[in-house]
Amino acid sequence: MATNPAAPLPPLDVRRAPEGGEIGPVQSGWRLALREFTSNRLAVLGFAILVFFVLFCFVGPLLYHTNQVNTNDLTTNLPPSAQYPLGTDGQGFDELGRIMKGGQSSLEIGFFAAFVAIVIGTLFGAVSGLLGGLADSALMRVVDVFLSIPFLFVVLILAVRFGATVASLSLVIGFFAWQVPARLVRGEVLSLRERDFVHAARVAGSGRWRLISRHLIPNALGVVIVNVTFQVADAILAVAYIGFLGFGLHYPNVDWGDMLSNGSNYLQDGYWWLIYPVGACIVLTVMALNFIGDALRDSLDVRLRRR
C-alpha cells in the first residue's frame, strides 16, 4: 500500500530515565558509562580518595609550611604532637610535610610513567593490529622480548649509573610498561579493522596513519582509559619498592618508598609514625586507582554493564 508523503511522521519514542526525567531516543554511550560509573560506590570512593591525595600532596604544602631542605639534629624522631602532627624523622624533618613532598614525586612519576607507557603502547598496538600478518607477528615478538627483560634489575642499574630523578624514573618505568597496553590495543584493533566504517574509510582513500589516528585509536579509547589507572597504580608501586631498596630519589628529593626504607631502620625502636602513615598513603592510593579502573572497565564495556 502506498504511503502519503505529506503525512506527519510518528512521534519519536521518548524513553524515561531511571530518575523519571525524559531522555532522547538514543543516549550517548559515554553518558551511559558515566552513569554506570557514578552508581558504583567503590568507584566514587576511589575517585574521592585520589582527589584527596592529589590535593593533599600539591595543595597541602601551600597551607602547611615546613622545611624539607635543612636537617635539624635537635628535632630527630620526635613523636606526634601539636607542633608536629605526625612527628619527625631521623633527620629532623616534619613527617607530615615529608609525606606531602614524597607524595608529589610518587604521583608525578606514576602519572608521567603511565602517560609514556600508554602513548607508546597505544601506537605500537594500533600499528601492529592494523598491519596484521607477518608484520603483526614480528611486532608481537618484540613485545615478548621486552616482557622477558627483568624490569627491576634494569631500573636499578640505570638508577646507579645515571642517577634517579623524577624524569628518569618516569621514562624508565614507562618504557618497560608499554607492553600490556600494546597487547590490549592490538586485540581491539584486530576486531575494529573488520568493521564497516574502517572498510568505508579505506575505500574513501584514507591512509594507514589516518585510519589509526581518526578511526582505530578513538574507538579503542575505552581500553586505553581503563588501562591508564592500572598503569598509574603499578608505577606508584614500582617507585615505592625501588625507593625501599634504596635506589629511589636522592636528597633533597624524596618519595614514599624512600620514606618507608628510612623508617624501617627505626621500626624496632617503636617509631611507628615513620612507617604506618606513609604505608597507608601508598595502600590507599593504589587501592583507589584499582577501584576506579575496575569501575571504568565495567562501565565502558557494554557486556559488563548492569541491566
C-alpha atoms as a PDB file:
ATOM      1  CA  MET A   1       0.000   0.000   0.000  1.00  0.00           C
ATOM      2  CA  ALA A   2       1.401   3.420  -0.948  1.00  0.00           C
ATOM      3  CA  THR A   3       2.189   5.877   1.801  1.00  0.00           C
ATOM      4  CA  ASN A   4       1.254   9.507   1.800  1.00  0.00           C
ATOM      5  CA  PRO A   5       4.495  11.557   1.713  1.00  0.00           C
ATOM      6  CA  ALA A   6       2.694  14.502   3.262  1.00  0.00           C
ATOM      7  CA  ALA A   7       1.515  12.503   6.252  1.00  0.00           C
ATOM      8  CA  PRO A   8       3.091  13.602   9.556  1.00  0.00           C
ATOM      9  CA  LEU A   9       5.852  11.460  10.934  1.00  0.00           C
ATOM     10  CA  PRO A  10       5.067   9.395  14.025  1.00  0.00           C
ATOM     11  CA  PRO A  11       6.381  10.878  17.272  1.00  0.00           C
ATOM     12  CA  LEU A  12       9.768   9.731  18.469  1.00  0.00           C
ATOM     13  CA  ASP A  13       9.806   7.109  21.151  1.00  0.00           C
ATOM     14  CA  VAL A  14      10.866   9.133  24.173  1.00  0.00           C
ATOM     15  CA  ARG A  15      12.166   6.893  26.918  1.00  0.00           C
ATOM     16  CA  ARG A  16      12.114   7.582  30.603  1.00  0.00           C
ATOM     17  CA  ALA A  17      15.342   7.835  32.552  1.00  0.00           C
ATOM     18  CA  PRO A  18      15.574   5.890  35.824  1.00  0.00           C
ATOM     19  CA  GLU A  19      15.185   9.143  37.752  1.00  0.00           C
ATOM     20  CA  GLY A  20      11.969   9.965  35.937  1.00  0.00           C
ATOM     21  CA  GLY A  21      13.350  12.571  33.516  1.00  0.00           C
ATOM     22  CA  GLU A  22      12.958  12.288  29.768  1.00  0.00           C
ATOM     23  CA  ILE A  23      15.899  11.411  27.559  1.00  0.00           C
ATOM     24  CA  GLY A  24      16.280  11.210  23.815  1.00  0.00           C
ATOM     25  CA  PRO A  25      15.746   8.121  21.722  1.00  0.00           C
ATOM     26  CA  VAL A  26      19.459   7.433  21.598  1.00  0.00           C
ATOM     27  CA  GLN A  27      21.563   8.021  24.658  1.00  0.00           C
ATOM     28  CA  SER A  28      25.277   8.601  24.345  1.00  0.00           C
ATOM     29  CA  GLY A  29      27.467   5.637  25.231  1.00  0.00           C
ATOM     30  CA  TRP A  30      29.720   7.920  27.261  1.00  0.00           C
ATOM     31  CA  ARG A  31      26.734   9.230  29.183  1.00  0.00           C
ATOM     32  CA  LEU A  32      25.667   5.703  29.996  1.00  0.00           C
ATOM     33  CA  ALA A  33      29.223   4.877  31.043  1.00  0.00           C
ATOM     34  CA  LEU A  34      29.316   7.918  33.337  1.00  0.00           C
ATOM     35  CA  ARG A  35      26.003   6.958  34.919  1.00  0.00           C
ATOM     36  CA  GLU A  36      27.249   3.416  35.459  1.00  0.00           C
ATOM     37  CA  PHE A  37      30.500   4.711  36.967  1.00  0.00           C
ATOM     38  CA  THR A  38      28.792   7.068  39.408  1.00  0.00           C
ATOM     39  CA  SER A  39      26.433   4.305  40.505  1.00  0.00           C
ATOM     40  CA  ASN A  40      29.429   2.269  41.678  1.00  0.00           C
ATOM     41  CA  ARG A  41      30.059   3.248  45.300  1.00  0.00           C
ATOM     42  CA  LEU A  42      33.606   1.875  45.349  1.00  0.00           C
ATOM     43  CA  ALA A  43      34.431   3.871  42.225  1.00  0.00           C
ATOM     44  CA  VAL A  44      33.142   7.089  43.778  1.00  0.00           C
ATOM     45  CA  LEU A  45      35.079   6.313  46.963  1.00  0.00           C
ATOM     46  CA  GLY A  46      38.228   5.619  44.964  1.00  0.00           C
ATOM     47  CA  PHE A  47      37.849   8.836  42.991  1.00  0.00           C
ATOM     48  CA  ALA A  48      37.350  10.817  46.216  1.00  0.00           C
ATOM     49  CA  ILE A  49      40.460   9.236  47.767  1.00  0.00           C
ATOM     50  CA  LEU A  50      42.540  10.003  44.679  1.00  0.00           C
ATOM     51  CA  VAL A  51      41.378  13.627  44.589  1.00  0.00           C
ATOM     52  CA  PHE A  52      42.135  13.920  48.306  1.00  0.00           C
ATOM     53  CA  PHE A  53      45.724  12.726  47.875  1.00  0.00           C
ATOM     54  CA  VAL A  54      46.306  14.972  44.860  1.00  0.00           C
ATOM     55  CA  LEU A  55      45.100  17.985  46.874  1.00  0.00           C
ATOM     56  CA  PHE A  56      46.941  16.780  49.976  1.00  0.00           C
ATOM     57  CA  CYS A  57      50.279  16.484  48.167  1.00  0.00           C
ATOM     58  CA  PHE A  58      50.133  19.515  45.886  1.00  0.00           C
ATOM     59  CA  VAL A  59      47.923  21.990  47.743  1.00  0.00           C
ATOM     60  CA  GLY A  60      48.784  20.882  51.281  1.00  0.00           C
ATOM     61  CA  PRO A  61      52.355  22.332  51.271  1.00  0.00           C
ATOM     62  CA  LEU A  62      50.888  25.723  50.372  1.00  0.00           C
ATOM     63  CA  LEU A  63      48.855  25.677  53.583  1.00  0.00           C
ATOM     64  CA  TYR A  64      51.146  23.674  55.866  1.00  0.00           C
ATOM     65  CA  HIS A  65      54.641  25.167  55.560  1.00  0.00           C
ATOM     66  CA  THR A  66      57.588  23.013  56.609  1.00  0.00           C
ATOM     67  CA  ASN A  67      61.332  22.999  56.000  1.00  0.00           C
ATOM     68  CA  GLN A  68      62.139  19.969  53.853  1.00  0.00           C
ATOM     69  CA  VAL A  69      65.657  21.050  52.869  1.00  0.00           C
ATOM     70  CA  ASN A  70      67.698  21.667  56.039  1.00  0.00           C
ATOM     71  CA  THR A  71      68.150  18.883  58.565  1.00  0.00           C
ATOM     72  CA  ASN A  72      67.788  19.550  62.295  1.00  0.00           C
ATOM     73  CA  ASP A  73      69.515  17.245  64.799  1.00  0.00           C
ATOM     74  CA  LEU A  74      67.561  18.791  67.662  1.00  0.00           C
ATOM     75  CA  THR A  75      64.199  17.516  66.386  1.00  0.00           C
ATOM     76  CA  THR A  76      65.011  13.971  65.285  1.00  0.00           C
ATOM     77  CA  ASN A  77      62.445  11.197  65.796  1.00  0.00           C
ATOM     78  CA  LEU A  78      60.036  13.272  67.868  1.00  0.00           C
ATOM     79  CA  PRO A  79      56.629  11.628  68.461  1.00  0.00           C
ATOM     80  CA  PRO A  80      53.421  13.215  67.142  1.00  0.00           C
ATOM     81  CA  SER A  81      52.491  16.403  68.935  1.00  0.00           C
ATOM     82  CA  ALA A  82      50.627  19.649  68.389  1.00  0.00           C
ATOM     83  CA  GLN A  83      53.677  21.133  66.683  1.00  0.00           C
ATOM     84  CA  TYR A  84      54.414  18.015  64.625  1.00  0.00           C
ATOM     85  CA  PRO A  85      51.100  16.182  63.930  1.00  0.00           C
ATOM     86  CA  LEU A  86      52.916  13.090  62.597  1.00  0.00           C
ATOM     87  CA  GLY A  87      56.211  13.534  64.426  1.00  0.00           C
ATOM     88  CA  THR A  88      59.624  13.932  62.829  1.00  0.00           C
ATOM     89  CA  ASP A  89      62.008  11.526  61.098  1.00  0.00           C
ATOM     90  CA  GLY A  90      65.639  10.639  61.738  1.00  0.00           C
ATOM     91  CA  GLN A  91      66.852  13.821  60.052  1.00  0.00           C
ATOM     92  CA  GLY A  92      64.523  16.151  61.898  1.00  0.00           C
ATOM     93  CA  PHE A  93      62.093  16.705  59.023  1.00  0.00           C
ATOM     94  CA  ASP A  94      58.414  17.175  59.792  1.00  0.00           C
ATOM     95  CA  GLU A  95      56.882  13.844  58.815  1.00  0.00           C
ATOM     96  CA  LEU A  96      53.557  15.274  57.629  1.00  0.00           C
ATOM     97  CA  GLY A  97      55.299  17.714  55.324  1.00  0.00           C
ATOM     98  CA  ARG A  98      57.649  14.926  54.230  1.00  0.00           C
ATOM     99  CA  ILE A  99      54.701  12.762  53.212  1.00  0.00           C
ATOM    100  CA  MET A 100      53.335  15.631  51.128  1.00  0.00           C
ATOM    101  CA  LYS A 101      56.683  16.145  49.400  1.00  0.00           C
ATOM    102  CA  GLY A 102      57.157  12.402  48.845  1.00  0.00           C
ATOM    103  CA  GLY A 103      53.633  12.114  47.501  1.00  0.00           C
ATOM    104  CA  GLN A 104      54.329  14.788  44.909  1.00  0.00           C
ATOM    105  CA  SER A 105      57.217  12.790  43.500  1.00  0.00           C
ATOM    106  CA  SER A 106      55.362   9.464  43.638  1.00  0.00           C
ATOM    107  CA  LEU A 107      52.250  10.824  41.911  1.00  0.00           C
ATOM    108  CA  GLU A 108      54.256  12.726  39.301  1.00  0.00           C
ATOM    109  CA  ILE A 109      56.253   9.620  38.424  1.00  0.00           C
ATOM    110  CA  GLY A 110      53.100   7.492  38.437  1.00  0.00           C
ATOM    111  CA  PHE A 111      51.137   9.705  36.053  1.00  0.00           C
ATOM    112  CA  PHE A 112      54.072  10.558  33.778  1.00  0.00           C
ATOM    113  CA  ALA A 113      55.184   6.915  33.523  1.00  0.00           C
ATOM    114  CA  ALA A 114      51.609   5.879  32.725  1.00  0.00           C
ATOM    115  CA  PHE A 115      51.453   8.564  30.028  1.00  0.00           C
ATOM    116  CA  VAL A 116      54.672   7.305  28.429  1.00  0.00           C
ATOM    117  CA  ALA A 117      53.513   3.682  28.570  1.00  0.00           C
ATOM    118  CA  ILE A 118      50.075   4.445  27.156  1.00  0.00           C
ATOM    119  CA  VAL A 119      51.389   6.574  24.274  1.00  0.00           C
ATOM    120  CA  ILE A 120      53.990   4.023  23.197  1.00  0.00           C
ATOM    121  CA  GLY A 121      51.745   1.018  23.770  1.00  0.00           C
ATOM    122  CA  THR A 122      48.714   2.517  22.011  1.00  0.00           C
ATOM    123  CA  LEU A 123      50.643   3.478  18.882  1.00  0.00           C
ATOM    124  CA  PHE A 124      52.568   0.199  18.807  1.00  0.00           C
ATOM    125  CA  GLY A 125      49.474  -1.936  19.315  1.00  0.00           C
ATOM    126  CA  ALA A 126      47.421   0.018  16.760  1.00  0.00           C
ATOM    127  CA  VAL A 127      50.103  -0.303  14.097  1.00  0.00           C
ATOM    128  CA  SER A 128      50.583  -3.995  14.816  1.00  0.00           C
ATOM    129  CA  GLY A 129      46.870  -4.764  14.718  1.00  0.00           C
ATOM    130  CA  LEU A 130      46.290  -2.784  11.525  1.00  0.00           C
ATOM    131  CA  LEU A 131      49.194  -4.365   9.622  1.00  0.00           C
ATOM    132  CA  GLY A 132      48.397  -7.930  10.619  1.00  0.00           C
ATOM    133  CA  GLY A 133      50.103 -10.965   9.125  1.00  0.00           C
ATOM    134  CA  LEU A 134      53.876 -11.360   9.396  1.00  0.00           C
ATOM    135  CA  ALA A 135      54.373  -7.746  10.467  1.00  0.00           C
ATOM    136  CA  ASP A 136      51.975  -8.238  13.363  1.00  0.00           C
ATOM    137  CA  SER A 137      53.748 -11.425  14.424  1.00  0.00           C
ATOM    138  CA  ALA A 138      57.156  -9.732  14.273  1.00  0.00           C
ATOM    139  CA  LEU A 139      55.988  -6.753  16.320  1.00  0.00           C
ATOM    140  CA  MET A 140      54.439  -9.009  18.934  1.00  0.00           C
ATOM    141  CA  ARG A 141      57.731 -10.876  19.263  1.00  0.00           C
ATOM    142  CA  VAL A 142      59.306  -7.526  20.107  1.00  0.00           C
ATOM    143  CA  VAL A 143      56.750  -7.209  22.904  1.00  0.00           C
ATOM    144  CA  ASP A 144      57.668 -10.697  24.136  1.00  0.00           C
ATOM    145  CA  VAL A 145      61.355  -9.760  24.197  1.00  0.00           C
ATOM    146  CA  PHE A 146      60.664  -6.688  26.348  1.00  0.00           C
ATOM    147  CA  LEU A 147      58.468  -8.742  28.676  1.00  0.00           C
ATOM    148  CA  SER A 148      61.354 -11.174  29.214  1.00  0.00           C
ATOM    149  CA  ILE A 149      63.718  -8.408  30.389  1.00  0.00           C
ATOM    150  CA  PRO A 150      63.895  -8.216  34.214  1.00  0.00           C
ATOM    151  CA  PHE A 151      62.474  -4.773  34.794  1.00  0.00           C
ATOM    152  CA  LEU A 152      63.750  -4.320  38.342  1.00  0.00           C
ATOM    153  CA  PHE A 153      67.369  -5.127  37.504  1.00  0.00           C
ATOM    154  CA  VAL A 154      67.386  -2.708  34.577  1.00  0.00           C
ATOM    155  CA  VAL A 155      65.911   0.104  36.662  1.00  0.00           C
ATOM    156  CA  LEU A 156      68.421  -0.462  39.453  1.00  0.00           C
ATOM    157  CA  ILE A 157      71.343  -0.465  37.010  1.00  0.00           C
ATOM    158  CA  LEU A 158      70.153   2.730  35.323  1.00  0.00           C
ATOM    159  CA  ALA A 159      69.481   4.396  38.680  1.00  0.00           C
ATOM    160  CA  VAL A 160      73.025   3.658  39.828  1.00  0.00           C
ATOM    161  CA  ARG A 161      74.624   4.637  36.522  1.00  0.00           C
ATOM    162  CA  PHE A 162      72.720   7.806  35.687  1.00  0.00           C
ATOM    163  CA  GLY A 163      71.078   8.772  38.988  1.00  0.00           C
ATOM    164  CA  ALA A 164      67.405   8.645  39.917  1.00  0.00           C
ATOM    165  CA  THR A 165      65.267  11.686  39.167  1.00  0.00           C
ATOM    166  CA  VAL A 166      61.547  12.147  38.612  1.00  0.00           C
ATOM    167  CA  ALA A 167      62.072  12.383  34.838  1.00  0.00           C
ATOM    168  CA  SER A 168      64.471   9.438  34.547  1.00  0.00           C
ATOM    169  CA  LEU A 169      62.385   7.083  36.693  1.00  0.00           C
ATOM    170  CA  SER A 170      59.232   8.077  34.810  1.00  0.00           C
ATOM    171  CA  LEU A 171      60.821   7.362  31.430  1.00  0.00           C
ATOM    172  CA  VAL A 172      62.360   4.055  32.514  1.00  0.00           C
ATOM    173  CA  ILE A 173      59.209   2.762  34.206  1.00  0.00           C
ATOM    174  CA  GLY A 174      57.042   3.906  31.299  1.00  0.00           C
ATOM    175  CA  PHE A 175      59.389   2.380  28.726  1.00  0.00           C
ATOM    176  CA  PHE A 176      59.163  -1.002  30.416  1.00  0.00           C
ATOM    177  CA  ALA A 177      55.382  -0.869  30.976  1.00  0.00           C
ATOM    178  CA  TRP A 178      54.023  -0.249  27.460  1.00  0.00           C
ATOM    179  CA  GLN A 179      53.753  -3.932  26.530  1.00  0.00           C
ATOM    180  CA  VAL A 180      50.418  -4.527  28.283  1.00  0.00           C
ATOM    181  CA  PRO A 181      48.578  -1.584  26.664  1.00  0.00           C
ATOM    182  CA  ALA A 182      50.150  -2.573  23.339  1.00  0.00           C
ATOM    183  CA  ARG A 183      48.608  -6.035  23.558  1.00  0.00           C
ATOM    184  CA  LEU A 184      45.244  -4.688  24.667  1.00  0.00           C
ATOM    185  CA  VAL A 185      45.053  -2.102  21.885  1.00  0.00           C
ATOM    186  CA  ARG A 186      46.244  -4.642  19.298  1.00  0.00           C
ATOM    187  CA  GLY A 187      43.424  -7.008  20.249  1.00  0.00           C
ATOM    188  CA  GLU A 188      40.887  -4.201  19.989  1.00  0.00           C
ATOM    189  CA  VAL A 189      42.237  -3.051  16.620  1.00  0.00           C
ATOM    190  CA  LEU A 190      42.128  -6.592  15.227  1.00  0.00           C
ATOM    191  CA  SER A 191      38.395  -6.505  15.865  1.00  0.00           C
ATOM    192  CA  LEU A 192      37.834  -2.917  14.728  1.00  0.00           C
ATOM    193  CA  ARG A 193      39.649  -3.214  11.414  1.00  0.00           C
ATOM    194  CA  GLU A 194      36.982  -5.614  10.140  1.00  0.00           C
ATOM    195  CA  ARG A 195      34.145  -3.169  10.851  1.00  0.00           C
ATOM    196  CA  ASP A 196      32.233  -1.480   8.069  1.00  0.00           C
ATOM    197  CA  PHE A 197      33.346   2.042   8.960  1.00  0.00           C
ATOM    198  CA  VAL A 198      37.011   1.040   8.575  1.00  0.00           C
ATOM    199  CA  HIS A 199      36.325  -0.545   5.172  1.00  0.00           C
ATOM    200  CA  ALA A 200      34.469   2.596   4.169  1.00  0.00           C
ATOM    201  CA  ALA A 201      37.416   4.745   5.231  1.00  0.00           C
ATOM    202  CA  ARG A 202      39.761   2.582   3.172  1.00  0.00           C
ATOM    203  CA  VAL A 203      37.540   2.927   0.132  1.00  0.00           C
ATOM    204  CA  ALA A 204      37.447   6.692   0.662  1.00  0.00           C
ATOM    205  CA  GLY A 205      41.234   6.737   0.377  1.00  0.00           C
ATOM    206  CA  SER A 206      42.305   7.013   4.000  1.00  0.00           C
ATOM    207  CA  GLY A 207      45.918   6.071   4.595  1.00  0.00           C
ATOM    208  CA  ARG A 208      47.192   3.940   7.450  1.00  0.00           C
ATOM    209  CA  TRP A 209      48.030   6.883   9.700  1.00  0.00           C
ATOM    210  CA  ARG A 210      44.595   8.413   9.196  1.00  0.00           C
ATOM    211  CA  LEU A 211      42.955   5.070   9.916  1.00  0.00           C
ATOM    212  CA  ILE A 212      44.952   4.783  13.140  1.00  0.00           C
ATOM    213  CA  SER A 213      44.555   8.356  14.356  1.00  0.00           C
ATOM    214  CA  ARG A 214      40.972   9.073  13.247  1.00  0.00           C
ATOM    215  CA  HIS A 215      39.212   5.715  13.401  1.00  0.00           C
ATOM    216  CA  LEU A 216      41.028   2.943  15.297  1.00  0.00           C
ATOM    217  CA  ILE A 217      42.535   4.685  18.343  1.00  0.00           C
ATOM    218  CA  PRO A 218      39.419   6.809  19.103  1.00  0.00           C
ATOM    219  CA  ASN A 219      37.303   3.651  19.056  1.00  0.00           C
ATOM    220  CA  ALA A 220      39.790   1.847  21.306  1.00  0.00           C
ATOM    221  CA  LEU A 221      39.819   4.629  23.913  1.00  0.00           C
ATOM    222  CA  GLY A 222      37.732   2.582  26.319  1.00  0.00           C
ATOM    223  CA  VAL A 223      40.510   0.007  26.666  1.00  0.00           C
ATOM    224  CA  VAL A 224      43.135   2.739  26.916  1.00  0.00           C
ATOM    225  CA  ILE A 225      41.303   4.724  29.614  1.00  0.00           C
ATOM    226  CA  VAL A 226      40.824   1.653  31.770  1.00  0.00           C
ATOM    227  CA  ASN A 227      44.484   0.671  31.478  1.00  0.00           C
ATOM    228  CA  VAL A 228      45.688   4.163  32.441  1.00  0.00           C
ATOM    229  CA  THR A 229      44.506   3.751  36.027  1.00  0.00           C
ATOM    230  CA  PHE A 230      46.261   0.406  36.429  1.00  0.00           C
ATOM    231  CA  GLN A 231      49.423   1.820  34.850  1.00  0.00           C
ATOM    232  CA  VAL A 232      49.480   4.669  37.374  1.00  0.00           C
ATOM    233  CA  ALA A 233      48.979   2.243  40.262  1.00  0.00           C
ATOM    234  CA  ASP A 234      51.736  -0.066  39.004  1.00  0.00           C
ATOM    235  CA  ALA A 235      54.115   2.872  38.531  1.00  0.00           C
ATOM    236  CA  ILE A 236      53.498   4.136  42.082  1.00  0.00           C
ATOM    237  CA  LEU A 237      54.192   0.645  43.434  1.00  0.00           C
ATOM    238  CA  ALA A 238      57.332   0.414  41.292  1.00  0.00           C
ATOM    239  CA  VAL A 239      58.588   3.720  42.685  1.00  0.00           C
ATOM    240  CA  ALA A 240      57.794   2.502  46.188  1.00  0.00           C
ATOM    241  CA  TYR A 241      59.809  -0.693  46.022  1.00  0.00           C
ATOM    242  CA  ILE A 242      62.671   0.955  44.125  1.00  0.00           C
ATOM    243  CA  GLY A 243      62.842   3.581  46.855  1.00  0.00           C
ATOM    244  CA  PHE A 244      62.519   0.937  49.572  1.00  0.00           C
ATOM    245  CA  LEU A 245      65.574  -0.842  48.157  1.00  0.00           C
ATOM    246  CA  GLY A 246      67.490   2.417  48.418  1.00  0.00           C
ATOM    247  CA  PHE A 247      67.712   3.247  44.706  1.00  0.00           C
ATOM    248  CA  GLY A 248      64.974   5.865  44.560  1.00  0.00           C
ATOM    249  CA  LEU A 249      65.198   9.628  44.580  1.00  0.00           C
ATOM    250  CA  HIS A 250      68.074  11.297  46.390  1.00  0.00           C
ATOM    251  CA  TYR A 251      68.185  14.180  48.848  1.00  0.00           C
ATOM    252  CA  PRO A 252      66.611  16.738  48.813  1.00  0.00           C
ATOM    253  CA  ASN A 253      64.006  14.870  46.737  1.00  0.00           C
ATOM    254  CA  VAL A 254      62.094  12.045  48.360  1.00  0.00           C
ATOM    255  CA  ASP A 255      59.373   9.528  47.511  1.00  0.00           C
ATOM    256  CA  TRP A 256      57.117   7.346  49.611  1.00  0.00           C
ATOM    257  CA  GLY A 257      59.263   4.248  49.072  1.00  0.00           C
ATOM    258  CA  ASP A 258      62.372   6.075  50.244  1.00  0.00           C
ATOM    259  CA  MET A 259      60.488   7.190  53.362  1.00  0.00           C
ATOM    260  CA  LEU A 260      59.492   3.598  54.096  1.00  0.00           C
ATOM    261  CA  SER A 261      63.095   2.497  53.678  1.00  0.00           C
ATOM    262  CA  ASN A 262      64.337   5.128  56.122  1.00  0.00           C
ATOM    263  CA  GLY A 263      61.547   4.429  58.586  1.00  0.00           C
ATOM    264  CA  SER A 264      62.211   0.685  58.628  1.00  0.00           C
ATOM    265  CA  ASN A 265      65.550   1.392  60.320  1.00  0.00           C
ATOM    266  CA  TYR A 266      63.670   2.660  63.383  1.00  0.00           C
ATOM    267  CA  LEU A 267      60.752   0.224  63.433  1.00  0.00           C
ATOM    268  CA  GLN A 268      62.257  -1.850  66.256  1.00  0.00           C
ATOM    269  CA  ASP A 269      62.560   1.337  68.309  1.00  0.00           C
ATOM    270  CA  GLY A 270      58.804   1.874  68.260  1.00  0.00           C
ATOM    271  CA  TYR A 271      58.773   4.858  65.899  1.00  0.00           C
ATOM    272  CA  TRP A 272      55.548   3.779  64.245  1.00  0.00           C
ATOM    273  CA  TRP A 273      54.850   7.218  62.755  1.00  0.00           C
ATOM    274  CA  LEU A 274      57.723   6.679  60.305  1.00  0.00           C
ATOM    275  CA  ILE A 275      56.094   3.572  58.794  1.00  0.00           C
ATOM    276  CA  TYR A 276      52.331   3.396  59.094  1.00  0.00           C
ATOM    277  CA  PRO A 277      51.219   6.828  57.782  1.00  0.00           C
ATOM    278  CA  VAL A 278      53.289   6.670  54.593  1.00  0.00           C
ATOM    279  CA  GLY A 279      52.419   2.990  54.156  1.00  0.00           C
ATOM    280  CA  ALA A 280      48.730   3.860  54.430  1.00  0.00           C
ATOM    281  CA  CYS A 281      49.191   6.550  51.755  1.00  0.00           C
ATOM    282  CA  ILE A 282      50.641   4.006  49.308  1.00  0.00           C
ATOM    283  CA  VAL A 283      47.955   1.404  50.031  1.00  0.00           C
ATOM    284  CA  LEU A 284      45.044   3.859  49.820  1.00  0.00           C
ATOM    285  CA  THR A 285      46.288   5.490  46.603  1.00  0.00           C
ATOM    286  CA  VAL A 286      46.837   2.180  44.821  1.00  0.00           C
ATOM    287  CA  MET A 287      43.528   0.827  46.126  1.00  0.00           C
ATOM    288  CA  ALA A 288      41.695   3.939  44.900  1.00  0.00           C
ATOM    289  CA  LEU A 289      43.212   3.601  41.428  1.00  0.00           C
ATOM    290  CA  ASN A 290      42.218  -0.067  41.293  1.00  0.00           C
ATOM    291  CA  PHE A 291      38.652   0.779  42.313  1.00  0.00           C
ATOM    292  CA  ILE A 292      38.499   3.402  39.551  1.00  0.00           C
ATOM    293  CA  GLY A 293      39.983   1.016  36.996  1.00  0.00           C
ATOM    294  CA  ASP A 294      37.557  -1.785  37.821  1.00  0.00           C
ATOM    295  CA  ALA A 295      34.609   0.589  37.606  1.00  0.00           C
ATOM    296  CA  LEU A 296      35.785   2.048  34.298  1.00  0.00           C
ATOM    297  CA  ARG A 297      36.138  -1.439  32.867  1.00  0.00           C
ATOM    298  CA  ASP A 298      32.597  -2.312  33.923  1.00  0.00           C
ATOM    299  CA  SER A 299      31.099   0.957  32.693  1.00  0.00           C
ATOM    300  CA  LEU A 300      32.879   1.206  29.333  1.00  0.00           C
ATOM    301  CA  ASP A 301      32.324  -2.438  28.356  1.00  0.00           C
ATOM    302  CA  VAL A 302      28.671  -2.777  27.370  1.00  0.00           C
ATOM    303  CA  ARG A 303      28.808  -6.505  28.085  1.00  0.00           C
ATOM    304  CA  LEU A 304      29.624  -5.833  31.743  1.00  0.00           C
ATOM    305  CA  ARG A 305      27.098  -3.056  32.388  1.00  0.00           C
ATOM    306  CA  ARG A 306      24.349  -3.875  34.805  1.00  0.00           C
ATOM    307  CA  ARG A 307      20.991  -4.111  33.132  1.00  0.00           C
END
